[in-house]
Amino acid sequence: QSFGLGFFEYFRFCEDIGAKPLPVIAAAV
């Protein structure tokens, strides 16, 4: 994973296509 497609690019893409972001974070396990 280069993380070139990271959270900024994700949020920006959601905005571009009119989709609400639903980020998922590990439950610390």
mmCIF file of all heavy atoms, coordinates in Angstrom:
data_MODEL
# 
_entry.id   MODEL 
# 
loop_
_atom_site.group_PDB 
_atom_site.id 
_atom_site.type_symbol 
_atom_site.label_atom_id 
_atom_site.label_alt_id 
_atom_site.label_comp_id 
_atom_site.label_asym_id 
_atom_site.label_entity_id 
_atom_site.label_seq_id 
_atom_site.pdbx_PDB_ins_code 
_atom_site.Cartn_x 
_atom_site.Cartn_y 
_atom_site.Cartn_z 
_atom_site.occupancy 
_atom_site.B_iso_or_equiv 
_atom_site.pdbx_formal_charge 
_atom_site.auth_seq_id 
_atom_site.auth_comp_id 
_atom_site.auth_asym_id 
_atom_site.auth_atom_id 
_atom_site.pdbx_PDB_model_num 
ATOM 1   N N   . GLN A 1 1  ? 0.848   -1.191 0.000  1.00 0.00 ? 1  GLN A N   1 
ATOM 2   C CA  . GLN A 1 1  ? 0.000   0.000  0.000  1.00 0.00 ? 1  GLN A CA  1 
ATOM 3   C C   . GLN A 1 1  ? 0.885   1.244  0.000  1.00 0.00 ? 1  GLN A C   1 
ATOM 4   O O   . GLN A 1 1  ? 1.615   1.493  0.961  1.00 0.00 ? 1  GLN A O   1 
ATOM 5   C CB  . GLN A 1 1  ? -0.872  0.058  1.254  1.00 0.00 ? 1  GLN A CB  1 
ATOM 6   C CG  . GLN A 1 1  ? -1.787  -1.131 1.466  1.00 0.00 ? 1  GLN A CG  1 
ATOM 7   C CD  . GLN A 1 1  ? -2.549  -1.007 2.769  1.00 0.00 ? 1  GLN A CD  1 
ATOM 8   O OE1 . GLN A 1 1  ? -3.562  -0.334 2.844  1.00 0.00 ? 1  GLN A OE1 1 
ATOM 9   N NE2 . GLN A 1 1  ? -2.041  -1.651 3.814  1.00 0.00 ? 1  GLN A NE2 1 
ATOM 10  N N   . SER A 1 2  ? 0.806   2.029  -1.073 1.00 0.00 ? 2  SER A N   1 
ATOM 11  C CA  . SER A 1 2  ? 1.557   3.291  -1.101 1.00 0.00 ? 2  SER A CA  1 
ATOM 12  C C   . SER A 1 2  ? 0.806   4.398  -0.370 1.00 0.00 ? 2  SER A C   1 
ATOM 13  O O   . SER A 1 2  ? 1.398   5.411  -0.013 1.00 0.00 ? 2  SER A O   1 
ATOM 14  C CB  . SER A 1 2  ? 1.792   3.724  -2.550 1.00 0.00 ? 2  SER A CB  1 
ATOM 15  O OG  . SER A 1 2  ? 0.598   4.259  -3.130 1.00 0.00 ? 2  SER A OG  1 
ATOM 16  N N   . PHE A 1 3  ? -0.498  4.210  -0.167 1.00 0.00 ? 3  PHE A N   1 
ATOM 17  C CA  . PHE A 1 3  ? -1.374  5.210  0.445  1.00 0.00 ? 3  PHE A CA  1 
ATOM 18  C C   . PHE A 1 3  ? -1.431  6.492  -0.378 1.00 0.00 ? 3  PHE A C   1 
ATOM 19  O O   . PHE A 1 3  ? -1.778  7.551  0.144  1.00 0.00 ? 3  PHE A O   1 
ATOM 20  C CB  . PHE A 1 3  ? -0.964  5.523  1.885  1.00 0.00 ? 3  PHE A CB  1 
ATOM 21  C CG  . PHE A 1 3  ? -1.146  4.378  2.834  1.00 0.00 ? 3  PHE A CG  1 
ATOM 22  C CD1 . PHE A 1 3  ? -0.130  4.020  3.712  1.00 0.00 ? 3  PHE A CD1 1 
ATOM 23  C CD2 . PHE A 1 3  ? -2.315  3.642  2.845  1.00 0.00 ? 3  PHE A CD2 1 
ATOM 24  C CE1 . PHE A 1 3  ? -0.294  2.955  4.592  1.00 0.00 ? 3  PHE A CE1 1 
ATOM 25  C CE2 . PHE A 1 3  ? -2.492  2.577  3.718  1.00 0.00 ? 3  PHE A CE2 1 
ATOM 26  C CZ  . PHE A 1 3  ? -1.475  2.235  4.593  1.00 0.00 ? 3  PHE A CZ  1 
ATOM 27  N N   . GLY A 1 4  ? -1.093  6.390  -1.672 1.00 0.00 ? 4  GLY A N   1 
ATOM 28  C CA  . GLY A 1 4  ? -1.306  7.541  -2.544 1.00 0.00 ? 4  GLY A CA  1 
ATOM 29  C C   . GLY A 1 4  ? -2.774  7.891  -2.623 1.00 0.00 ? 4  GLY A C   1 
ATOM 30  O O   . GLY A 1 4  ? -3.152  9.073  -2.693 1.00 0.00 ? 4  GLY A O   1 
ATOM 31  N N   . LEU A 1 5  ? -3.612  6.843  -2.631 1.00 0.00 ? 5  LEU A N   1 
ATOM 32  C CA  . LEU A 1 5  ? -5.053  7.035  -2.503 1.00 0.00 ? 5  LEU A CA  1 
ATOM 33  C C   . LEU A 1 5  ? -5.353  6.933  -1.017 1.00 0.00 ? 5  LEU A C   1 
ATOM 34  O O   . LEU A 1 5  ? -5.579  5.850  -0.480 1.00 0.00 ? 5  LEU A O   1 
ATOM 35  C CB  . LEU A 1 5  ? -5.821  5.976  -3.304 1.00 0.00 ? 5  LEU A CB  1 
ATOM 36  C CG  . LEU A 1 5  ? -7.290  6.249  -3.659 1.00 0.00 ? 5  LEU A CG  1 
ATOM 37  C CD1 . LEU A 1 5  ? -7.841  5.132  -4.527 1.00 0.00 ? 5  LEU A CD1 1 
ATOM 38  C CD2 . LEU A 1 5  ? -8.183  6.437  -2.452 1.00 0.00 ? 5  LEU A CD2 1 
ATOM 39  N N   . GLY A 1 6  ? -5.325  8.074  -0.344 1.00 0.00 ? 6  GLY A N   1 
ATOM 40  C CA  . GLY A 1 6  ? -5.533  8.112  1.100  1.00 0.00 ? 6  GLY A CA  1 
ATOM 41  C C   . GLY A 1 6  ? -6.848  8.749  1.457  1.00 0.00 ? 6  GLY A C   1 
ATOM 42  O O   . GLY A 1 6  ? -7.749  8.897  0.618  1.00 0.00 ? 6  GLY A O   1 
ATOM 43  N N   . PHE A 1 7  ? -6.963  9.162  2.694  1.00 0.00 ? 7  PHE A N   1 
ATOM 44  C CA  . PHE A 1 7  ? -8.244  9.667  3.166  1.00 0.00 ? 7  PHE A CA  1 
ATOM 45  C C   . PHE A 1 7  ? -8.625  11.005 2.538  1.00 0.00 ? 7  PHE A C   1 
ATOM 46  O O   . PHE A 1 7  ? -9.810  11.272 2.342  1.00 0.00 ? 7  PHE A O   1 
ATOM 47  C CB  . PHE A 1 7  ? -8.261  9.743  4.696  1.00 0.00 ? 7  PHE A CB  1 
ATOM 48  C CG  . PHE A 1 7  ? -8.987  8.590  5.321  1.00 0.00 ? 7  PHE A CG  1 
ATOM 49  C CD1 . PHE A 1 7  ? -8.379  7.346  5.412  1.00 0.00 ? 7  PHE A CD1 1 
ATOM 50  C CD2 . PHE A 1 7  ? -10.280 8.724  5.774  1.00 0.00 ? 7  PHE A CD2 1 
ATOM 51  C CE1 . PHE A 1 7  ? -9.058  6.271  5.968  1.00 0.00 ? 7  PHE A CE1 1 
ATOM 52  C CE2 . PHE A 1 7  ? -10.969 7.646  6.325  1.00 0.00 ? 7  PHE A CE2 1 
ATOM 53  C CZ  . PHE A 1 7  ? -10.355 6.419  6.424  1.00 0.00 ? 7  PHE A CZ  1 
ATOM 54  N N   . PHE A 1 8  ? -7.661  11.853 2.213  1.00 0.00 ? 8  PHE A N   1 
ATOM 55  C CA  . PHE A 1 8  ? -8.024  13.090 1.534  1.00 0.00 ? 8  PHE A CA  1 
ATOM 56  C C   . PHE A 1 8  ? -8.601  12.790 0.159  1.00 0.00 ? 8  PHE A C   1 
ATOM 57  O O   . PHE A 1 8  ? -9.647  13.335 -0.229 1.00 0.00 ? 8  PHE A O   1 
ATOM 58  C CB  . PHE A 1 8  ? -6.819  14.027 1.395  1.00 0.00 ? 8  PHE A CB  1 
ATOM 59  C CG  . PHE A 1 8  ? -7.154  15.283 0.639  1.00 0.00 ? 8  PHE A CG  1 
ATOM 60  C CD1 . PHE A 1 8  ? -7.834  16.321 1.260  1.00 0.00 ? 8  PHE A CD1 1 
ATOM 61  C CD2 . PHE A 1 8  ? -6.820  15.418 -0.702 1.00 0.00 ? 8  PHE A CD2 1 
ATOM 62  C CE1 . PHE A 1 8  ? -8.167  17.474 0.555  1.00 0.00 ? 8  PHE A CE1 1 
ATOM 63  C CE2 . PHE A 1 8  ? -7.141  16.564 -1.408 1.00 0.00 ? 8  PHE A CE2 1 
ATOM 64  C CZ  . PHE A 1 8  ? -7.820  17.597 -0.776 1.00 0.00 ? 8  PHE A CZ  1 
ATOM 65  N N   . GLU A 1 9  ? -7.925  11.930 -0.591 1.00 0.00 ? 9  GLU A N   1 
ATOM 66  C CA  . GLU A 1 9  ? -8.407  11.583 -1.927 1.00 0.00 ? 9  GLU A CA  1 
ATOM 67  C C   . GLU A 1 9  ? -9.768  10.890 -1.859 1.00 0.00 ? 9  GLU A C   1 
ATOM 68  O O   . GLU A 1 9  ? -10.620 11.087 -2.730 1.00 0.00 ? 9  GLU A O   1 
ATOM 69  C CB  . GLU A 1 9  ? -7.390  10.684 -2.633 1.00 0.00 ? 9  GLU A CB  1 
ATOM 70  C CG  . GLU A 1 9  ? -6.082  11.373 -2.985 1.00 0.00 ? 9  GLU A CG  1 
ATOM 71  C CD  . GLU A 1 9  ? -5.149  11.592 -1.803 1.00 0.00 ? 9  GLU A CD  1 
ATOM 72  O OE1 . GLU A 1 9  ? -5.284  10.845 -0.791 1.00 0.00 ? 9  GLU A OE1 1 
ATOM 73  O OE2 . GLU A 1 9  ? -4.288  12.488 -1.880 1.00 0.00 ? 9  GLU A OE2 1 
ATOM 74  N N   . TYR A 1 10 ? -9.967  10.087 -0.832 1.00 0.00 ? 10 TYR A N   1 
ATOM 75  C CA  . TYR A 1 10 ? -11.257 9.431  -0.626 1.00 0.00 ? 10 TYR A CA  1 
ATOM 76  C C   . TYR A 1 10 ? -12.364 10.446 -0.373 1.00 0.00 ? 10 TYR A C   1 
ATOM 77  O O   . TYR A 1 10 ? -13.411 10.424 -1.028 1.00 0.00 ? 10 TYR A O   1 
ATOM 78  C CB  . TYR A 1 10 ? -11.141 8.450  0.537  1.00 0.00 ? 10 TYR A CB  1 
ATOM 79  C CG  . TYR A 1 10 ? -12.445 8.049  1.195  1.00 0.00 ? 10 TYR A CG  1 
ATOM 80  C CD1 . TYR A 1 10 ? -13.451 7.421  0.479  1.00 0.00 ? 10 TYR A CD1 1 
ATOM 81  C CD2 . TYR A 1 10 ? -12.652 8.293  2.552  1.00 0.00 ? 10 TYR A CD2 1 
ATOM 82  C CE1 . TYR A 1 10 ? -14.635 7.041  1.097  1.00 0.00 ? 10 TYR A CE1 1 
ATOM 83  C CE2 . TYR A 1 10 ? -13.830 7.914  3.171  1.00 0.00 ? 10 TYR A CE2 1 
ATOM 84  C CZ  . TYR A 1 10 ? -14.820 7.296  2.440  1.00 0.00 ? 10 TYR A CZ  1 
ATOM 85  O OH  . TYR A 1 10 ? -15.996 6.927  3.056  1.00 0.00 ? 10 TYR A OH  1 
ATOM 86  N N   . PHE A 1 11 ? -12.157 11.341 0.574  1.00 0.00 ? 11 PHE A N   1 
ATOM 87  C CA  . PHE A 1 11 ? -13.179 12.346 0.862  1.00 0.00 ? 11 PHE A CA  1 
ATOM 88  C C   . PHE A 1 11 ? -13.456 13.215 -0.368 1.00 0.00 ? 11 PHE A C   1 
ATOM 89  O O   . PHE A 1 11 ? -14.601 13.559 -0.658 1.00 0.00 ? 11 PHE A O   1 
ATOM 90  C CB  . PHE A 1 11 ? -12.734 13.234 2.030  1.00 0.00 ? 11 PHE A CB  1 
ATOM 91  C CG  . PHE A 1 11 ? -12.896 12.606 3.383  1.00 0.00 ? 11 PHE A CG  1 
ATOM 92  C CD1 . PHE A 1 11 ? -11.872 12.691 4.323  1.00 0.00 ? 11 PHE A CD1 1 
ATOM 93  C CD2 . PHE A 1 11 ? -14.057 11.946 3.747  1.00 0.00 ? 11 PHE A CD2 1 
ATOM 94  C CE1 . PHE A 1 11 ? -12.010 12.129 5.590  1.00 0.00 ? 11 PHE A CE1 1 
ATOM 95  C CE2 . PHE A 1 11 ? -14.209 11.373 5.006  1.00 0.00 ? 11 PHE A CE2 1 
ATOM 96  C CZ  . PHE A 1 11 ? -13.183 11.462 5.925  1.00 0.00 ? 11 PHE A CZ  1 
ATOM 97  N N   . ARG A 1 12 ? -12.402 13.572 -1.086 1.00 0.00 ? 12 ARG A N   1 
ATOM 98  C CA  . ARG A 1 12 ? -12.574 14.401 -2.279 1.00 0.00 ? 12 ARG A CA  1 
ATOM 99  C C   . ARG A 1 12 ? -13.387 13.673 -3.345 1.00 0.00 ? 12 ARG A C   1 
ATOM 100 O O   . ARG A 1 12 ? -14.261 14.268 -3.995 1.00 0.00 ? 12 ARG A O   1 
ATOM 101 C CB  . ARG A 1 12 ? -11.193 14.778 -2.845 1.00 0.00 ? 12 ARG A CB  1 
ATOM 102 C CG  . ARG A 1 12 ? -11.229 15.685 -4.066 1.00 0.00 ? 12 ARG A CG  1 
ATOM 103 C CD  . ARG A 1 12 ? -9.826  16.051 -4.519 1.00 0.00 ? 12 ARG A CD  1 
ATOM 104 N NE  . ARG A 1 12 ? -9.083  14.884 -4.988 1.00 0.00 ? 12 ARG A NE  1 
ATOM 105 C CZ  . ARG A 1 12 ? -7.802  14.928 -5.374 1.00 0.00 ? 12 ARG A CZ  1 
ATOM 106 N NH1 . ARG A 1 12 ? -7.125  16.068 -5.317 1.00 0.00 ? 12 ARG A NH1 1 
ATOM 107 N NH2 . ARG A 1 12 ? -7.193  13.833 -5.799 1.00 0.00 ? 12 ARG A NH2 1 
ATOM 108 N N   . PHE A 1 13 ? -13.116 12.371 -3.523 1.00 0.00 ? 13 PHE A N   1 
ATOM 109 C CA  . PHE A 1 13 ? -13.865 11.593 -4.514 1.00 0.00 ? 13 PHE A CA  1 
ATOM 110 C C   . PHE A 1 13 ? -15.336 11.494 -4.123 1.00 0.00 ? 13 PHE A C   1 
ATOM 111 O O   . PHE A 1 13 ? -16.220 11.624 -4.973 1.00 0.00 ? 13 PHE A O   1 
ATOM 112 C CB  . PHE A 1 13 ? -13.244 10.208 -4.651 1.00 0.00 ? 13 PHE A CB  1 
ATOM 113 C CG  . PHE A 1 13 ? -13.879 9.342  -5.707 1.00 0.00 ? 13 PHE A CG  1 
ATOM 114 C CD1 . PHE A 1 13 ? -14.129 9.829  -6.975 1.00 0.00 ? 13 PHE A CD1 1 
ATOM 115 C CD2 . PHE A 1 13 ? -14.230 8.024  -5.429 1.00 0.00 ? 13 PHE A CD2 1 
ATOM 116 C CE1 . PHE A 1 13 ? -14.706 9.037  -7.960 1.00 0.00 ? 13 PHE A CE1 1 
ATOM 117 C CE2 . PHE A 1 13 ? -14.802 7.217  -6.389 1.00 0.00 ? 13 PHE A CE2 1 
ATOM 118 C CZ  . PHE A 1 13 ? -15.048 7.723  -7.660 1.00 0.00 ? 13 PHE A CZ  1 
ATOM 119 N N   . CYS A 1 14 ? -15.607 11.252 -2.844 1.00 0.00 ? 14 CYS A N   1 
ATOM 120 C CA  . CYS A 1 14 ? -17.001 11.213 -2.389 1.00 0.00 ? 14 CYS A CA  1 
ATOM 121 C C   . CYS A 1 14 ? -17.708 12.513 -2.737 1.00 0.00 ? 14 CYS A C   1 
ATOM 122 O O   . CYS A 1 14 ? -18.848 12.514 -3.226 1.00 0.00 ? 14 CYS A O   1 
ATOM 123 C CB  . CYS A 1 14 ? -17.060 10.971 -0.881 1.00 0.00 ? 14 CYS A CB  1 
ATOM 124 S SG  . CYS A 1 14 ? -16.653 9.289  -0.377 1.00 0.00 ? 14 CYS A SG  1 
ATOM 125 N N   . GLU A 1 15 ? -17.045 13.619 -2.481 1.00 0.00 ? 15 GLU A N   1 
ATOM 126 C CA  . GLU A 1 15 ? -17.642 14.926 -2.797 1.00 0.00 ? 15 GLU A CA  1 
ATOM 127 C C   . GLU A 1 15 ? -17.866 15.071 -4.301 1.00 0.00 ? 15 GLU A C   1 
ATOM 128 O O   . GLU A 1 15 ? -18.914 15.569 -4.743 1.00 0.00 ? 15 GLU A O   1 
ATOM 129 C CB  . GLU A 1 15 ? -16.723 16.036 -2.293 1.00 0.00 ? 15 GLU A CB  1 
ATOM 130 C CG  . GLU A 1 15 ? -17.270 17.439 -2.474 1.00 0.00 ? 15 GLU A CG  1 
ATOM 131 C CD  . GLU A 1 15 ? -16.360 18.477 -1.859 1.00 0.00 ? 15 GLU A CD  1 
ATOM 132 O OE1 . GLU A 1 15 ? -15.318 18.785 -2.473 1.00 0.00 ? 15 GLU A OE1 1 
ATOM 133 O OE2 . GLU A 1 15 ? -16.675 18.966 -0.756 1.00 0.00 ? 15 GLU A OE2 1 
ATOM 134 N N   . ASP A 1 16 ? -16.901 14.626 -5.093 1.00 0.00 ? 16 ASP A N   1 
ATOM 135 C CA  . ASP A 1 16 ? -17.008 14.739 -6.548 1.00 0.00 ? 16 ASP A CA  1 
ATOM 136 C C   . ASP A 1 16 ? -18.215 13.996 -7.099 1.00 0.00 ? 16 ASP A C   1 
ATOM 137 O O   . ASP A 1 16 ? -18.838 14.440 -8.075 1.00 0.00 ? 16 ASP A O   1 
ATOM 138 C CB  . ASP A 1 16 ? -15.746 14.183 -7.214 1.00 0.00 ? 16 ASP A CB  1 
ATOM 139 C CG  . ASP A 1 16 ? -14.547 15.111 -7.080 1.00 0.00 ? 16 ASP A CG  1 
ATOM 140 O OD1 . ASP A 1 16 ? -14.735 16.300 -6.771 1.00 0.00 ? 16 ASP A OD1 1 
ATOM 141 O OD2 . ASP A 1 16 ? -13.411 14.631 -7.288 1.00 0.00 ? 16 ASP A OD2 1 
ATOM 142 N N   . ILE A 1 17 ? -18.542 12.846 -6.524 1.00 0.00 ? 17 ILE A N   1 
ATOM 143 C CA  . ILE A 1 17 ? -19.610 12.010 -7.091 1.00 0.00 ? 17 ILE A CA  1 
ATOM 144 C C   . ILE A 1 17 ? -20.909 12.104 -6.296 1.00 0.00 ? 17 ILE A C   1 
ATOM 145 O O   . ILE A 1 17 ? -21.876 11.397 -6.598 1.00 0.00 ? 17 ILE A O   1 
ATOM 146 C CB  . ILE A 1 17 ? -19.164 10.538 -7.219 1.00 0.00 ? 17 ILE A CB  1 
ATOM 147 C CG1 . ILE A 1 17 ? -18.915 9.906  -5.849 1.00 0.00 ? 17 ILE A CG1 1 
ATOM 148 C CG2 . ILE A 1 17 ? -17.933 10.437 -8.098 1.00 0.00 ? 17 ILE A CG2 1 
ATOM 149 C CD1 . ILE A 1 17 ? -18.564 8.414  -5.916 1.00 0.00 ? 17 ILE A CD1 1 
ATOM 150 N N   . GLY A 1 18 ? -20.938 12.965 -5.281 1.00 0.00 ? 18 GLY A N   1 
ATOM 151 C CA  . GLY A 1 18 ? -22.171 13.148 -4.508 1.00 0.00 ? 18 GLY A CA  1 
ATOM 152 C C   . GLY A 1 18 ? -22.499 12.006 -3.584 1.00 0.00 ? 18 GLY A C   1 
ATOM 153 O O   . GLY A 1 18 ? -23.671 11.781 -3.264 1.00 0.00 ? 18 GLY A O   1 
ATOM 154 N N   . ALA A 1 19 ? -21.474 11.281 -3.126 1.00 0.00 ? 19 ALA A N   1 
ATOM 155 C CA  . ALA A 1 19 ? -21.680 10.155 -2.206 1.00 0.00 ? 19 ALA A CA  1 
ATOM 156 C C   . ALA A 1 19 ? -21.268 10.559 -0.798 1.00 0.00 ? 19 ALA A C   1 
ATOM 157 O O   . ALA A 1 19 ? -20.256 11.235 -0.612 1.00 0.00 ? 19 ALA A O   1 
ATOM 158 C CB  . ALA A 1 19 ? -20.865 8.944  -2.653 1.00 0.00 ? 19 ALA A CB  1 
ATOM 159 N N   . LYS A 1 20 ? -22.037 10.144 0.181  1.00 0.00 ? 20 LYS A N   1 
ATOM 160 C CA  . LYS A 1 20 ? -21.664 10.408 1.566  1.00 0.00 ? 20 LYS A CA  1 
ATOM 161 C C   . LYS A 1 20 ? -20.515 9.485  1.965  1.00 0.00 ? 20 LYS A C   1 
ATOM 162 O O   . LYS A 1 20 ? -20.563 8.287  1.685  1.00 0.00 ? 20 LYS A O   1 
ATOM 163 C CB  . LYS A 1 20 ? -22.852 10.183 2.501  1.00 0.00 ? 20 LYS A CB  1 
ATOM 164 C CG  . LYS A 1 20 ? -23.999 11.158 2.299  1.00 0.00 ? 20 LYS A CG  1 
ATOM 165 C CD  . LYS A 1 20 ? -25.142 10.876 3.264  1.00 0.00 ? 20 LYS A CD  1 
ATOM 166 C CE  . LYS A 1 20 ? -26.290 11.864 3.051  1.00 0.00 ? 20 LYS A CE  1 
ATOM 167 N NZ  . LYS A 1 20 ? -27.425 11.609 3.973  1.00 0.00 ? 20 LYS A NZ  1 
ATOM 168 N N   . PRO A 1 21 ? -19.479 10.010 2.611  1.00 0.00 ? 21 PRO A N   1 
ATOM 169 C CA  . PRO A 1 21 ? -18.397 9.133  3.054  1.00 0.00 ? 21 PRO A CA  1 
ATOM 170 C C   . PRO A 1 21 ? -18.811 8.271  4.242  1.00 0.00 ? 21 PRO A C   1 
ATOM 171 O O   . PRO A 1 21 ? -19.515 8.732  5.137  1.00 0.00 ? 21 PRO A O   1 
ATOM 172 C CB  . PRO A 1 21 ? -17.283 10.107 3.443  1.00 0.00 ? 21 PRO A CB  1 
ATOM 173 C CG  . PRO A 1 21 ? -17.975 11.397 3.736  1.00 0.00 ? 21 PRO A CG  1 
ATOM 174 C CD  . PRO A 1 21 ? -19.212 11.430 2.890  1.00 0.00 ? 21 PRO A CD  1 
ATOM 175 N N   . LEU A 1 22 ? -18.386 7.012  4.212  1.00 0.00 ? 22 LEU A N   1 
ATOM 176 C CA  . LEU A 1 22 ? -18.574 6.099  5.335  1.00 0.00 ? 22 LEU A CA  1 
ATOM 177 C C   . LEU A 1 22 ? -17.228 5.445  5.638  1.00 0.00 ? 22 LEU A C   1 
ATOM 178 O O   . LEU A 1 22 ? -16.931 4.328  5.208  1.00 0.00 ? 22 LEU A O   1 
ATOM 179 C CB  . LEU A 1 22 ? -19.634 5.045  5.019  1.00 0.00 ? 22 LEU A CB  1 
ATOM 180 C CG  . LEU A 1 22 ? -19.812 3.881  6.015  1.00 0.00 ? 22 LEU A CG  1 
ATOM 181 C CD1 . LEU A 1 22 ? -19.995 4.381  7.444  1.00 0.00 ? 22 LEU A CD1 1 
ATOM 182 C CD2 . LEU A 1 22 ? -20.968 2.987  5.614  1.00 0.00 ? 22 LEU A CD2 1 
ATOM 183 N N   . PRO A 1 23 ? -16.336 6.172  6.319  1.00 0.00 ? 23 PRO A N   1 
ATOM 184 C CA  . PRO A 1 23 ? -15.044 5.579  6.669  1.00 0.00 ? 23 PRO A CA  1 
ATOM 185 C C   . PRO A 1 23 ? -15.201 4.513  7.743  1.00 0.00 ? 23 PRO A C   1 
ATOM 186 O O   . PRO A 1 23 ? -16.061 4.621  8.623  1.00 0.00 ? 23 PRO A O   1 
ATOM 187 C CB  . PRO A 1 23 ? -14.246 6.771  7.188  1.00 0.00 ? 23 PRO A CB  1 
ATOM 188 C CG  . PRO A 1 23 ? -15.276 7.721  7.705  1.00 0.00 ? 23 PRO A CG  1 
ATOM 189 C CD  . PRO A 1 23 ? -16.483 7.545  6.811  1.00 0.00 ? 23 PRO A CD  1 
ATOM 190 N N   . VAL A 1 24 ? -14.388 3.485  7.665  1.00 0.00 ? 24 VAL A N   1 
ATOM 191 C CA  . VAL A 1 24 ? -14.404 2.392  8.636  1.00 0.00 ? 24 VAL A CA  1 
ATOM 192 C C   . VAL A 1 24 ? -13.067 2.360  9.357  1.00 0.00 ? 24 VAL A C   1 
ATOM 193 O O   . VAL A 1 24 ? -12.003 2.392  8.724  1.00 0.00 ? 24 VAL A O   1 
ATOM 194 C CB  . VAL A 1 24 ? -14.670 1.035  7.961  1.00 0.00 ? 24 VAL A CB  1 
ATOM 195 C CG1 . VAL A 1 24 ? -14.686 -0.079 8.992  1.00 0.00 ? 24 VAL A CG1 1 
ATOM 196 C CG2 . VAL A 1 24 ? -15.993 1.075  7.195  1.00 0.00 ? 24 VAL A CG2 1 
ATOM 197 N N   . ILE A 1 25 ? -13.122 2.313  10.677 1.00 0.00 ? 25 ILE A N   1 
ATOM 198 C CA  . ILE A 1 25 ? -11.933 2.249  11.523 1.00 0.00 ? 25 ILE A CA  1 
ATOM 199 C C   . ILE A 1 25 ? -11.966 0.924  12.283 1.00 0.00 ? 25 ILE A C   1 
ATOM 200 O O   . ILE A 1 25 ? -13.028 0.491  12.737 1.00 0.00 ? 25 ILE A O   1 
ATOM 201 C CB  . ILE A 1 25 ? -11.914 3.423  12.528 1.00 0.00 ? 25 ILE A CB  1 
ATOM 202 C CG1 . ILE A 1 25 ? -11.959 4.756  11.788 1.00 0.00 ? 25 ILE A CG1 1 
ATOM 203 C CG2 . ILE A 1 25 ? -10.688 3.338  13.431 1.00 0.00 ? 25 ILE A CG2 1 
ATOM 204 C CD1 . ILE A 1 25 ? -10.772 5.039  10.909 1.00 0.00 ? 25 ILE A CD1 1 
ATOM 205 N N   . ALA A 1 26 ? -10.815 0.286  12.414 1.00 0.00 ? 26 ALA A N   1 
ATOM 206 C CA  . ALA A 1 26 ? -10.748 -0.964 13.180 1.00 0.00 ? 26 ALA A CA  1 
ATOM 207 C C   . ALA A 1 26 ? -11.201 -0.729 14.615 1.00 0.00 ? 26 ALA A C   1 
ATOM 208 O O   . ALA A 1 26 ? -10.945 0.328  15.201 1.00 0.00 ? 26 ALA A O   1 
ATOM 209 C CB  . ALA A 1 26 ? -9.331  -1.520 13.164 1.00 0.00 ? 26 ALA A CB  1 
ATOM 210 N N   . ALA A 1 27 ? -11.864 -1.722 15.187 1.00 0.00 ? 27 ALA A N   1 
ATOM 211 C CA  . ALA A 1 27 ? -12.349 -1.638 16.572 1.00 0.00 ? 27 ALA A CA  1 
ATOM 212 C C   . ALA A 1 27 ? -11.234 -1.971 17.558 1.00 0.00 ? 27 ALA A C   1 
ATOM 213 O O   . ALA A 1 27 ? -11.468 -2.611 18.585 1.00 0.00 ? 27 ALA A O   1 
ATOM 214 C CB  . ALA A 1 27 ? -13.542 -2.574 16.770 1.00 0.00 ? 27 ALA A CB  1 
ATOM 215 N N   . ALA A 1 28 ? -10.020 -1.536 17.220 1.00 0.00 ? 28 ALA A N   1 
ATOM 216 C CA  . ALA A 1 28 ? -8.841  -1.735 18.078 1.00 0.00 ? 28 ALA A CA  1 
ATOM 217 C C   . ALA A 1 28 ? -8.524  -3.209 18.299 1.00 0.00 ? 28 ALA A C   1 
ATOM 218 O O   . ALA A 1 28 ? -7.939  -3.587 19.310 1.00 0.00 ? 28 ALA A O   1 
ATOM 219 C CB  . ALA A 1 28 ? -9.006  -1.009 19.415 1.00 0.00 ? 28 ALA A CB  1 
ATOM 220 N N   . VAL A 1 29 ? -8.921  -4.042 17.337 1.00 0.00 ? 29 VAL A N   1 
ATOM 221 C CA  . VAL A 1 29 ? -8.496  -5.443 17.327 1.00 0.00 ? 29 VAL A CA  1 
ATOM 222 C C   . VAL A 1 29 ? -8.114  -5.797 15.898 1.00 0.00 ? 29 VAL A C   1 
ATOM 223 O O   . VAL A 1 29 ? -8.649  -5.256 14.938 1.00 0.00 ? 29 VAL A O   1 
ATOM 224 C CB  . VAL A 1 29 ? -9.590  -6.415 17.826 1.00 0.00 ? 29 VAL A CB  1 
ATOM 225 C CG1 . VAL A 1 29 ? -9.867  -6.221 19.299 1.00 0.00 ? 29 VAL A CG1 1 
ATOM 226 C CG2 . VAL A 1 29 ? -10.867 -6.286 17.002 1.00 0.00 ? 29 VAL A CG2 1 
# 
